[in-house]
Structure formats: structure tokens, C-alpha cells
Amino acid sequence: MKALDTFMGLGPTGKIAVSTVLALLVFGTAGYALIVMGMLILVDIVIDDIL
């Protein structure tokens, strides 16, 4: 668990920075997935209207 030891040794500011980056990565990926899903649904509706 080298990463965890490094994380614990960072101190409060480092922990906040790392947590922020991780949160951005997680939410960024989720947000991207949601946008793709939304676009697919919109495209599906438009195609249904055309056909």
C-alpha cells in the first residue's frame, strides 16, 4: 500500500488536492457517460421522429 502511505504523508493540503483531483476524475468520467447517454437518447428520439 505504497500509495496510501504517500497519501497519509501529504498533510492536509496535499490530501485536499489529491481528493479534489480524484473527485474530478470520477465525476468527469460519470459526466461524460451521462452526456453520451443523453446524446444517444436525443438521437434515438430524432430518428424515431424522422422514421
PDB file of N, CA and C in Angstrom:
ATOM      1  N   MET A   1       0.843  -1.202   0.000  1.00  0.00           N
ATOM      2  CA  MET A   1       0.000   0.000   0.000  1.00  0.00           C
ATOM      3  C   MET A   1       0.883   1.258   0.000  1.00  0.00           C
ATOM      4  N   LYS A   2       1.807   1.346  -0.939  1.00  0.00           N
ATOM      5  CA  LYS A   2       2.717   2.494  -1.020  1.00  0.00           C
ATOM      6  C   LYS A   2       1.948   3.788  -1.257  1.00  0.00           C
ATOM      7  N   ALA A   3       0.942   3.729  -2.116  1.00  0.00           N
ATOM      8  CA  ALA A   3       0.153   4.916  -2.447  1.00  0.00           C
ATOM      9  C   ALA A   3      -0.545   5.475  -1.206  1.00  0.00           C
ATOM     10  N   LEU A   4      -1.070   4.578  -0.373  1.00  0.00           N
ATOM     11  CA  LEU A   4      -1.768   5.008   0.840  1.00  0.00           C
ATOM     12  C   LEU A   4      -0.799   5.677   1.817  1.00  0.00           C
ATOM     13  N   ASP A   5       0.407   5.096   1.959  1.00  0.00           N
ATOM     14  CA  ASP A   5       1.432   5.683   2.829  1.00  0.00           C
ATOM     15  C   ASP A   5       1.803   7.081   2.337  1.00  0.00           C
ATOM     16  N   THR A   6       1.968   7.219   1.035  1.00  0.00           N
ATOM     17  CA  THR A   6       2.293   8.514   0.434  1.00  0.00           C
ATOM     18  C   THR A   6       1.171   9.503   0.710  1.00  0.00           C
ATOM     19  N   PHE A   7      -0.075   9.040   0.521  1.00  0.00           N
ATOM     20  CA  PHE A   7      -1.257   9.875   0.750  1.00  0.00           C
ATOM     21  C   PHE A   7      -1.309  10.360   2.193  1.00  0.00           C
ATOM     22  N   MET A   8      -1.043   9.448   3.161  1.00  0.00           N
ATOM     23  CA  MET A   8      -1.090   9.804   4.578  1.00  0.00           C
ATOM     24  C   MET A   8       0.028  10.782   4.942  1.00  0.00           C
ATOM     25  N   GLY A   9       1.151  10.729   4.207  1.00  0.00           N
ATOM     26  CA  GLY A   9       2.292  11.589   4.497  1.00  0.00           C
ATOM     27  C   GLY A   9       2.183  12.981   3.873  1.00  0.00           C
ATOM     28  N   LEU A  10       1.121  13.244   3.115  1.00  0.00           N
ATOM     29  CA  LEU A  10       0.998  14.503   2.396  1.00  0.00           C
ATOM     30  C   LEU A  10       0.667  15.689   3.288  1.00  0.00           C
ATOM     31  N   GLY A  11      -0.117  15.439   4.337  1.00  0.00           N
ATOM     32  CA  GLY A  11      -0.600  16.556   5.146  1.00  0.00           C
ATOM     33  C   GLY A  11      -1.928  17.034   4.584  1.00  0.00           C
ATOM     34  N   PRO A  12      -2.615  17.921   5.313  1.00  0.00           N
ATOM     35  CA  PRO A  12      -3.981  18.334   4.956  1.00  0.00           C
ATOM     36  C   PRO A  12      -4.124  18.930   3.550  1.00  0.00           C
ATOM     37  N   THR A  13      -3.196  19.822   3.181  1.00  0.00           N
ATOM     38  CA  THR A  13      -3.304  20.488   1.876  1.00  0.00           C
ATOM     39  C   THR A  13      -3.165  19.482   0.747  1.00  0.00           C
ATOM     40  N   GLY A  14      -2.185  18.597   0.871  1.00  0.00           N
ATOM     41  CA  GLY A  14      -1.961  17.559  -0.137  1.00  0.00           C
ATOM     42  C   GLY A  14      -3.152  16.631  -0.250  1.00  0.00           C
ATOM     43  N   LYS A  15      -3.716  16.261   0.892  1.00  0.00           N
ATOM     44  CA  LYS A  15      -4.883  15.372   0.903  1.00  0.00           C
ATOM     45  C   LYS A  15      -6.048  16.013   0.162  1.00  0.00           C
ATOM     46  N   ILE A  16      -6.282  17.307   0.407  1.00  0.00           N
ATOM     47  CA  ILE A  16      -7.379  18.020  -0.252  1.00  0.00           C
ATOM     48  C   ILE A  16      -7.146  18.051  -1.762  1.00  0.00           C
ATOM     49  N   ALA A  17      -5.895  18.333  -2.158  1.00  0.00           N
ATOM     50  CA  ALA A  17      -5.548  18.399  -3.578  1.00  0.00           C
ATOM     51  C   ALA A  17      -5.778  17.054  -4.254  1.00  0.00           C
ATOM     52  N   VAL A  18      -5.285  15.981  -3.637  1.00  0.00           N
ATOM     53  CA  VAL A  18      -5.436  14.637  -4.198  1.00  0.00           C
ATOM     54  C   VAL A  18      -6.912  14.246  -4.274  1.00  0.00           C
ATOM     55  N   SER A  19      -7.660  14.526  -3.194  1.00  0.00           N
ATOM     56  CA  SER A  19      -9.088  14.202  -3.167  1.00  0.00           C
ATOM     57  C   SER A  19      -9.838  14.953  -4.257  1.00  0.00           C
ATOM     58  N   THR A  20      -9.468  16.230  -4.464  1.00  0.00           N
ATOM     59  CA  THR A  20     -10.111  17.051  -5.499  1.00  0.00           C
ATOM     60  C   THR A  20      -9.860  16.461  -6.878  1.00  0.00           C
ATOM     61  N   VAL A  21      -8.603  16.093  -7.138  1.00  0.00           N
ATOM     62  CA  VAL A  21      -8.244  15.503  -8.435  1.00  0.00           C
ATOM     63  C   VAL A  21      -9.009  14.197  -8.663  1.00  0.00           C
ATOM     64  N   LEU A  22      -9.046  13.346  -7.637  1.00  0.00           N
ATOM     65  CA  LEU A  22      -9.762  12.074  -7.752  1.00  0.00           C
ATOM     66  C   LEU A  22     -11.247  12.310  -8.009  1.00  0.00           C
ATOM     67  N   ALA A  23     -11.833  13.267  -7.273  1.00  0.00           N
ATOM     68  CA  ALA A  23     -13.249  13.589  -7.441  1.00  0.00           C
ATOM     69  C   ALA A  23     -13.518  14.085  -8.860  1.00  0.00           C
ATOM     70  N   LEU A  24     -12.632  14.952  -9.370  1.00  0.00           N
ATOM     71  CA  LEU A  24     -12.787  15.472 -10.730  1.00  0.00           C
ATOM     72  C   LEU A  24     -12.712  14.337 -11.753  1.00  0.00           C
ATOM     73  N   LEU A  25     -11.781  13.406 -11.544  1.00  0.00           N
ATOM     74  CA  LEU A  25     -11.648  12.272 -12.458  1.00  0.00           C
ATOM     75  C   LEU A  25     -12.923  11.429 -12.455  1.00  0.00           C
ATOM     76  N   VAL A  26     -13.415  11.126 -11.245  1.00  0.00           N
ATOM     77  CA  VAL A  26     -14.620  10.292 -11.113  1.00  0.00           C
ATOM     78  C   VAL A  26     -15.836  10.994 -11.709  1.00  0.00           C
ATOM     79  N   PHE A  27     -16.058  12.252 -11.302  1.00  0.00           N
ATOM     80  CA  PHE A  27     -17.224  12.992 -11.787  1.00  0.00           C
ATOM     81  C   PHE A  27     -17.086  13.320 -13.265  1.00  0.00           C
ATOM     82  N   GLY A  28     -15.847  13.562 -13.716  1.00  0.00           N
ATOM     83  CA  GLY A  28     -15.604  13.838 -15.129  1.00  0.00           C
ATOM     84  C   GLY A  28     -16.011  12.651 -15.986  1.00  0.00           C
ATOM     85  N   THR A  29     -15.613  11.454 -15.541  1.00  0.00           N
ATOM     86  CA  THR A  29     -15.961  10.236 -16.276  1.00  0.00           C
ATOM     87  C   THR A  29     -17.465  10.011 -16.255  1.00  0.00           C
ATOM     88  N   ALA A  30     -18.079  10.180 -15.076  1.00  0.00           N
ATOM     89  CA  ALA A  30     -19.527   9.997 -14.944  1.00  0.00           C
ATOM     90  C   ALA A  30     -20.274  11.028 -15.790  1.00  0.00           C
ATOM     91  N   GLY A  31     -19.806  12.279 -15.734  1.00  0.00           N
ATOM     92  CA  GLY A  31     -20.429  13.350 -16.511  1.00  0.00           C
ATOM     93  C   GLY A  31     -20.356  13.061 -17.997  1.00  0.00           C
ATOM     94  N   TYR A  32     -19.196  12.583 -18.440  1.00  0.00           N
ATOM     95  CA  TYR A  32     -19.009  12.238 -19.854  1.00  0.00           C
ATOM     96  C   TYR A  32     -19.973  11.125 -20.265  1.00  0.00           C
ATOM     97  N   ALA A  33     -20.090  10.112 -19.413  1.00  0.00           N
ATOM     98  CA  ALA A  33     -21.005   8.994 -19.685  1.00  0.00           C
ATOM     99  C   ALA A  33     -22.447   9.492 -19.776  1.00  0.00           C
ATOM    100  N   LEU A  34     -22.832  10.400 -18.849  1.00  0.00           N
ATOM    101  CA  LEU A  34     -24.193  10.950 -18.858  1.00  0.00           C
ATOM    102  C   LEU A  34     -24.457  11.747 -20.135  1.00  0.00           C
ATOM    103  N   ILE A  35     -23.474  12.541 -20.558  1.00  0.00           N
ATOM    104  CA  ILE A  35     -23.624  13.338 -21.785  1.00  0.00           C
ATOM    105  C   ILE A  35     -23.807  12.406 -22.986  1.00  0.00           C
ATOM    106  N   VAL A  36     -22.989  11.364 -23.067  1.00  0.00           N
ATOM    107  CA  VAL A  36     -23.091  10.397 -24.170  1.00  0.00           C
ATOM    108  C   VAL A  36     -24.468   9.732 -24.164  1.00  0.00           C
ATOM    109  N   MET A  37     -24.914   9.312 -22.974  1.00  0.00           N
ATOM    110  CA  MET A  37     -26.238   8.686 -22.862  1.00  0.00           C
ATOM    111  C   MET A  37     -27.327   9.652 -23.319  1.00  0.00           C
ATOM    112  N   GLY A  38     -27.249  10.901 -22.869  1.00  0.00           N
ATOM    113  CA  GLY A  38     -28.219  11.924 -23.248  1.00  0.00           C
ATOM    114  C   GLY A  38     -28.255  12.130 -24.757  1.00  0.00           C
ATOM    115  N   MET A  39     -27.076  12.186 -25.371  1.00  0.00           N
ATOM    116  CA  MET A  39     -26.996  12.378 -26.820  1.00  0.00           C
ATOM    117  C   MET A  39     -27.595  11.179 -27.560  1.00  0.00           C
ATOM    118  N   LEU A  40     -27.297   9.975 -27.067  1.00  0.00           N
ATOM    119  CA  LEU A  40     -27.845   8.768 -27.694  1.00  0.00           C
ATOM    120  C   LEU A  40     -29.366   8.777 -27.629  1.00  0.00           C
ATOM    121  N   ILE A  41     -29.909   9.170 -26.479  1.00  0.00           N
ATOM    122  CA  ILE A  41     -31.365   9.235 -26.308  1.00  0.00           C
ATOM    123  C   ILE A  41     -31.955  10.285 -27.248  1.00  0.00           C
ATOM    124  N   LEU A  42     -31.318  11.453 -27.336  1.00  0.00           N
ATOM    125  CA  LEU A  42     -31.780  12.515 -28.239  1.00  0.00           C
ATOM    126  C   LEU A  42     -31.759  12.049 -29.693  1.00  0.00           C
ATOM    127  N   VAL A  43     -30.655  11.420 -30.096  1.00  0.00           N
ATOM    128  CA  VAL A  43     -30.528  10.902 -31.467  1.00  0.00           C
ATOM    129  C   VAL A  43     -31.625   9.879 -31.738  1.00  0.00           C
ATOM    130  N   ASP A  44     -31.877   9.010 -30.772  1.00  0.00           N
ATOM    131  CA  ASP A  44     -32.913   7.983 -30.883  1.00  0.00           C
ATOM    132  C   ASP A  44     -34.285   8.629 -31.103  1.00  0.00           C
ATOM    133  N   ILE A  45     -34.590   9.677 -30.335  1.00  0.00           N
ATOM    134  CA  ILE A  45     -35.874  10.383 -30.462  1.00  0.00           C
ATOM    135  C   ILE A  45     -35.983  11.029 -31.840  1.00  0.00           C
ATOM    136  N   VAL A  46     -34.911  11.699 -32.276  1.00  0.00           N
ATOM    137  CA  VAL A  46     -34.909  12.365 -33.585  1.00  0.00           C
ATOM    138  C   VAL A  46     -35.109  11.351 -34.704  1.00  0.00           C
ATOM    139  N   ILE A  47     -34.397  10.226 -34.626  1.00  0.00           N
ATOM    140  CA  ILE A  47     -34.516   9.180 -35.654  1.00  0.00           C
ATOM    141  C   ILE A  47     -35.941   8.627 -35.678  1.00  0.00           C
ATOM    142  N   ASP A  48     -36.522   8.409 -34.509  1.00  0.00           N
ATOM    143  CA  ASP A  48     -37.902   7.920 -34.423  1.00  0.00           C
ATOM    144  C   ASP A  48     -38.866   8.902 -35.087  1.00  0.00           C
ATOM    145  N   ASP A  49     -38.641  10.202 -34.878  1.00  0.00           N
ATOM    146  CA  ASP A  49     -39.494  11.234 -35.481  1.00  0.00           C
ATOM    147  C   ASP A  49     -39.379  11.226 -37.007  1.00  0.00           C
ATOM    148  N   ILE A  50     -38.138  11.066 -37.503  1.00  0.00           N
ATOM    149  CA  ILE A  50     -37.910  11.061 -38.954  1.00  0.00           C
ATOM    150  C   ILE A  50     -38.560   9.835 -39.585  1.00  0.00           C
ATOM    151  N   LEU A  51     -38.348   8.684 -38.968  1.00  0.00           N
ATOM    152  CA  LEU A  51     -38.925   7.434 -39.486  1.00  0.00           C
ATOM    153  C   LEU A  51     -40.348   7.328 -39.003  1.00  0.00           C
TER     154      LEU A  51
END
